[in-house]
């Protein structure tokens, strides 16, 4: 996916391990921004429903499936 400014593709670095391993052991996610290139459908699927999200109330629509 292209970044919001069209400068970089996301992810901007090569992931050195599978996403499942990266999110293994994560207790919660702190969402500070609701831009579509910060939190997209792939992230939603990778995190699943079991990881708690903490977000600003105004962003609650942007962070739902």
Protein backbone atom coordinates (compact mmCIF):
# COMPACT_ATOMS: atom_id res chain seq x y z
CA UNK A 1 0.00 0.00 0.00
CA UNK A 2 1.22 3.52 -0.77
CA UNK A 3 1.69 5.86 2.22
CA UNK A 4 -0.74 8.74 2.76
CA UNK A 5 1.77 11.22 1.28
CA UNK A 6 2.61 8.91 -1.60
CA UNK A 7 6.28 8.85 -0.56
CA UNK A 8 6.76 5.30 0.74
CA UNK A 9 5.12 1.93 0.45
CA UNK A 10 3.91 0.28 3.66
CA UNK A 11 5.50 -1.43 5.42
CA UNK A 12 8.49 0.86 4.94
CA UNK A 13 10.95 -1.82 6.08
CA UNK A 14 11.23 -5.53 5.33
CA UNK A 15 9.62 -7.60 8.08
CA UNK A 16 12.23 -10.05 9.34
CA UNK A 17 9.73 -12.48 10.85
CA UNK A 18 6.12 -13.53 10.23
CA UNK A 19 3.40 -11.15 11.43
CA UNK A 20 1.99 -13.88 13.70
CA UNK A 21 5.32 -13.95 15.56
CA UNK A 22 5.46 -10.14 15.75
CA UNK A 23 2.04 -9.88 17.41
CA UNK A 24 2.56 -12.93 19.62
CA UNK A 25 2.51 -11.80 23.24
CA UNK A 26 1.09 -8.33 22.48
CA UNK A 27 -1.28 -7.34 25.29
CA UNK A 28 -2.74 -4.20 23.73
CA UNK A 29 -2.38 -1.68 20.91
CA UNK A 30 -2.36 2.07 21.47
CA UNK A 31 -3.88 3.69 18.37
CA UNK A 32 -2.80 7.32 18.10
CA UNK A 33 -3.78 8.00 14.50
CA UNK A 34 -6.60 6.75 12.29
CA UNK A 35 -5.01 7.30 8.86
CA UNK A 36 -5.76 4.32 6.63
CA UNK A 37 -2.05 3.77 6.02
CA UNK A 38 -1.32 3.47 9.74
CA UNK A 39 -4.00 0.92 10.49
CA UNK A 40 -5.38 -0.99 7.52
CA UNK A 41 -7.38 -4.16 6.95
CA UNK A 42 -4.22 -6.31 7.03
CA UNK A 43 -3.42 -5.06 10.54
CA UNK A 44 -6.98 -5.67 11.68
CA UNK A 45 -6.76 -9.28 10.46
CA UNK A 46 -3.29 -9.83 11.94
CA UNK A 47 -4.30 -8.57 15.38
CA UNK A 48 -7.63 -10.38 15.51
CA UNK A 49 -10.31 -9.74 18.11
CA UNK A 50 -8.37 -10.84 21.18
CA UNK A 51 -5.97 -7.88 21.43
CA UNK A 52 -7.32 -4.87 23.31
CA UNK A 53 -7.26 -1.51 21.47
CA UNK A 54 -6.94 1.85 23.23
CA UNK A 55 -7.95 4.76 21.00
CA UNK A 56 -9.39 8.28 21.08
CA UNK A 57 -13.22 8.20 21.17
CA UNK A 58 -13.36 10.19 17.91
CA UNK A 59 -11.42 7.41 16.15
CA UNK A 60 -13.69 4.56 17.22
CA UNK A 61 -15.24 4.30 13.75
CA UNK A 62 -11.85 4.20 11.97
CA UNK A 63 -10.58 1.28 14.06
CA UNK A 64 -13.52 -1.08 13.60
CA UNK A 65 -13.67 -3.96 11.14
